Structures are given as structure tokens and as C-alpha cells.
Amino acid sequence: MTETKKEFYVVIERDEDEYYVGEVPQLKACYSQGETIDELMANMKEVIELCMLEATEESSSEFVGIQKIVV
């Protein structure tokens, strides 16, 4: 049986300590950090797998995109 892969979007910011912080909007409390983008993405893969195991129900939200606004 072939495992179905799921696609997630990671929103990445840089914090005051120069770490990259990533969050997956589709999964509740699914975030991690890393000193480099590569480290962050490796950490994100692990945390996404954990978040998917802990999820009791499928998320019905769909990532639409990011908009920038200047106020």
C-alpha cells in the first residue's frame, strides 16, 4: 500500500536572536526553529509528523496565501 503524501506550507520569520521560526497554519501549535533554513525545515518535518499523529480530527482549513498590508 502506497502512503499518501500531504503538502503543508511553512510560514517563516526571523526572530530577534536571528533564528528562523516556522509555523504550519493548517496544524494547531505546529512550529519550530533553526539556525539555518535547512535546519528549520528538517525540524519542521519532524514536528509536522508529530502534529499529524496528535491530531484527532482532520483540519478543514486550507492555506490560501499571505498578503502584505502597509498601515
N, C-alpha and C. Protein backbone atom coordinates (compact mmCIF):
# COMPACT_ATOMS: atom_id res chain seq x y z
N MET A 1 0.83 -1.17 0.00
CA MET A 1 0.00 0.00 0.00
C MET A 1 0.89 1.25 0.00
N THR A 2 0.57 2.18 -0.87
CA THR A 2 1.35 3.40 -1.01
C THR A 2 0.83 4.45 -0.03
N GLU A 3 1.76 5.09 0.69
CA GLU A 3 1.39 6.13 1.63
C GLU A 3 1.13 7.43 0.87
N THR A 4 0.01 8.07 1.18
CA THR A 4 -0.32 9.34 0.55
C THR A 4 0.44 10.46 1.24
N LYS A 5 1.14 11.25 0.46
CA LYS A 5 1.88 12.38 1.00
C LYS A 5 0.96 13.58 1.09
N LYS A 6 1.12 14.39 2.13
CA LYS A 6 0.36 15.63 2.28
C LYS A 6 1.31 16.79 2.12
N GLU A 7 0.79 17.89 1.62
CA GLU A 7 1.59 19.09 1.40
C GLU A 7 1.18 20.14 2.42
N PHE A 8 2.19 20.76 3.05
CA PHE A 8 1.95 21.81 4.02
C PHE A 8 2.79 23.03 3.67
N TYR A 9 2.32 24.19 4.02
CA TYR A 9 3.06 25.42 3.84
C TYR A 9 3.64 25.84 5.17
N VAL A 10 4.89 26.29 5.16
CA VAL A 10 5.57 26.75 6.37
C VAL A 10 5.77 28.26 6.24
N VAL A 11 5.21 29.00 7.19
CA VAL A 11 5.41 30.45 7.25
C VAL A 11 6.69 30.66 8.06
N ILE A 12 7.65 31.37 7.49
CA ILE A 12 8.96 31.53 8.13
C ILE A 12 9.21 32.99 8.47
N GLU A 13 9.65 33.21 9.70
CA GLU A 13 10.04 34.54 10.17
C GLU A 13 11.42 34.42 10.80
N ARG A 14 12.07 35.55 11.00
CA ARG A 14 13.36 35.57 11.69
C ARG A 14 13.17 36.33 12.99
N ASP A 15 13.55 35.72 14.13
CA ASP A 15 13.33 36.37 15.42
C ASP A 15 14.48 37.28 15.80
N GLU A 16 14.36 37.90 16.97
CA GLU A 16 15.35 38.87 17.42
C GLU A 16 16.72 38.25 17.70
N ASP A 17 16.77 36.93 17.88
CA ASP A 17 18.04 36.23 18.09
C ASP A 17 18.62 35.66 16.80
N GLU A 18 18.03 36.06 15.66
CA GLU A 18 18.48 35.64 14.33
C GLU A 18 18.17 34.16 14.02
N TYR A 19 17.26 33.54 14.78
CA TYR A 19 16.81 32.18 14.47
C TYR A 19 15.65 32.26 13.48
N TYR A 20 15.55 31.26 12.63
CA TYR A 20 14.41 31.13 11.74
C TYR A 20 13.32 30.38 12.50
N VAL A 21 12.12 30.93 12.48
CA VAL A 21 10.98 30.32 13.17
C VAL A 21 9.94 29.99 12.12
N GLY A 22 9.48 28.74 12.13
CA GLY A 22 8.49 28.31 11.15
C GLY A 22 7.22 27.84 11.83
N GLU A 23 6.10 28.06 11.14
CA GLU A 23 4.80 27.64 11.64
C GLU A 23 3.97 27.11 10.48
N VAL A 24 3.21 26.06 10.75
CA VAL A 24 2.29 25.50 9.75
C VAL A 24 0.88 25.93 10.15
N PRO A 25 0.28 26.88 9.41
CA PRO A 25 -1.05 27.38 9.78
C PRO A 25 -2.13 26.31 9.79
N GLN A 26 -1.99 25.26 8.99
CA GLN A 26 -3.03 24.24 8.90
C GLN A 26 -3.08 23.32 10.12
N LEU A 27 -2.00 23.28 10.91
CA LEU A 27 -1.94 22.38 12.05
C LEU A 27 -1.81 23.19 13.34
N LYS A 28 -2.62 22.85 14.32
CA LYS A 28 -2.64 23.58 15.58
C LYS A 28 -1.32 23.39 16.33
N ALA A 29 -0.73 24.50 16.79
CA ALA A 29 0.50 24.51 17.60
C ALA A 29 1.64 23.76 16.92
N CYS A 30 1.79 23.96 15.62
CA CYS A 30 2.83 23.27 14.86
C CYS A 30 3.88 24.28 14.42
N TYR A 31 4.96 24.38 15.21
CA TYR A 31 6.01 25.33 14.92
C TYR A 31 7.35 24.82 15.43
N SER A 32 8.43 25.38 14.90
CA SER A 32 9.78 25.01 15.31
C SER A 32 10.72 26.13 14.93
N GLN A 33 12.02 25.93 15.19
CA GLN A 33 13.02 26.93 14.84
C GLN A 33 14.32 26.27 14.43
N GLY A 34 15.21 27.06 13.85
CA GLY A 34 16.52 26.56 13.46
C GLY A 34 17.46 27.71 13.18
N GLU A 35 18.76 27.44 13.26
CA GLU A 35 19.75 28.48 12.99
C GLU A 35 19.87 28.78 11.50
N THR A 36 19.51 27.81 10.65
CA THR A 36 19.53 27.98 9.20
C THR A 36 18.18 27.52 8.65
N ILE A 37 17.91 27.89 7.40
CA ILE A 37 16.67 27.43 6.75
C ILE A 37 16.66 25.90 6.65
N ASP A 38 17.80 25.31 6.30
CA ASP A 38 17.88 23.84 6.19
C ASP A 38 17.58 23.17 7.52
N GLU A 39 18.15 23.71 8.60
CA GLU A 39 17.89 23.15 9.93
C GLU A 39 16.43 23.32 10.31
N LEU A 40 15.88 24.51 10.02
CA LEU A 40 14.47 24.75 10.30
C LEU A 40 13.58 23.76 9.57
N MET A 41 13.82 23.55 8.29
CA MET A 41 12.96 22.66 7.50
C MET A 41 13.07 21.20 7.97
N ALA A 42 14.26 20.77 8.39
CA ALA A 42 14.40 19.42 8.95
C ALA A 42 13.60 19.31 10.25
N ASN A 43 13.68 20.35 11.08
CA ASN A 43 12.91 20.37 12.33
C ASN A 43 11.41 20.42 12.05
N MET A 44 11.02 21.18 11.04
CA MET A 44 9.60 21.29 10.69
C MET A 44 9.04 19.96 10.23
N LYS A 45 9.82 19.22 9.46
CA LYS A 45 9.35 17.91 9.00
C LYS A 45 9.04 17.00 10.20
N GLU A 46 9.92 17.01 11.18
CA GLU A 46 9.69 16.19 12.38
C GLU A 46 8.46 16.65 13.15
N VAL A 47 8.32 17.96 13.34
CA VAL A 47 7.20 18.46 14.13
C VAL A 47 5.87 18.28 13.38
N ILE A 48 5.87 18.38 12.07
CA ILE A 48 4.65 18.13 11.29
C ILE A 48 4.20 16.68 11.47
N GLU A 49 5.15 15.76 11.42
CA GLU A 49 4.80 14.35 11.63
C GLU A 49 4.20 14.13 13.01
N LEU A 50 4.76 14.78 14.04
CA LEU A 50 4.22 14.67 15.39
C LEU A 50 2.84 15.30 15.49
N CYS A 51 2.67 16.47 14.90
CA CYS A 51 1.37 17.15 14.94
C CYS A 51 0.30 16.32 14.24
N MET A 52 0.66 15.66 13.16
CA MET A 52 -0.31 14.84 12.44
C MET A 52 -0.72 13.63 13.27
N LEU A 53 0.22 13.06 14.03
CA LEU A 53 -0.11 11.92 14.89
C LEU A 53 -1.05 12.33 16.02
N GLU A 54 -0.85 13.55 16.54
CA GLU A 54 -1.64 14.03 17.67
C GLU A 54 -3.00 14.59 17.25
N ALA A 55 -3.15 14.92 15.99
CA ALA A 55 -4.42 15.50 15.53
C ALA A 55 -5.53 14.46 15.64
N THR A 56 -6.61 14.83 16.33
CA THR A 56 -7.72 13.89 16.50
C THR A 56 -8.72 13.99 15.35
N GLU A 57 -8.70 15.10 14.65
CA GLU A 57 -9.60 15.24 13.50
C GLU A 57 -8.88 16.00 12.40
N GLU A 58 -9.27 15.73 11.17
CA GLU A 58 -8.68 16.42 10.02
C GLU A 58 -8.99 17.90 10.10
N SER A 59 -8.00 18.69 9.80
CA SER A 59 -8.21 20.13 9.74
C SER A 59 -8.94 20.45 8.44
N SER A 60 -9.98 21.25 8.54
CA SER A 60 -10.74 21.59 7.35
C SER A 60 -10.23 22.90 6.73
N SER A 61 -9.22 23.51 7.36
CA SER A 61 -8.72 24.77 6.81
C SER A 61 -7.78 24.50 5.64
N GLU A 62 -7.77 25.43 4.74
CA GLU A 62 -6.92 25.35 3.56
C GLU A 62 -6.06 26.60 3.51
N PHE A 63 -4.76 26.43 3.34
CA PHE A 63 -3.86 27.58 3.23
C PHE A 63 -4.16 28.29 1.92
N VAL A 64 -4.46 29.57 2.00
CA VAL A 64 -4.81 30.35 0.81
C VAL A 64 -3.64 31.19 0.35
N GLY A 65 -2.92 31.81 1.27
CA GLY A 65 -1.80 32.64 0.90
C GLY A 65 -1.48 33.65 1.96
N ILE A 66 -0.53 34.49 1.67
CA ILE A 66 -0.11 35.55 2.58
C ILE A 66 -0.23 36.87 1.85
N GLN A 67 -0.80 37.84 2.52
CA GLN A 67 -0.94 39.18 1.96
C GLN A 67 -0.17 40.15 2.84
N LYS A 68 0.44 41.12 2.22
CA LYS A 68 1.15 42.17 2.94
C LYS A 68 0.32 43.44 2.89
N ILE A 69 0.22 44.11 4.03
CA ILE A 69 -0.53 45.36 4.08
C ILE A 69 0.32 46.39 4.83
N VAL A 70 0.31 47.60 4.32
CA VAL A 70 1.04 48.70 4.94
C VAL A 70 0.01 49.64 5.56
N VAL A 71 0.18 49.95 6.83
CA VAL A 71 -0.77 50.82 7.54
C VAL A 71 -0.08 52.07 7.99
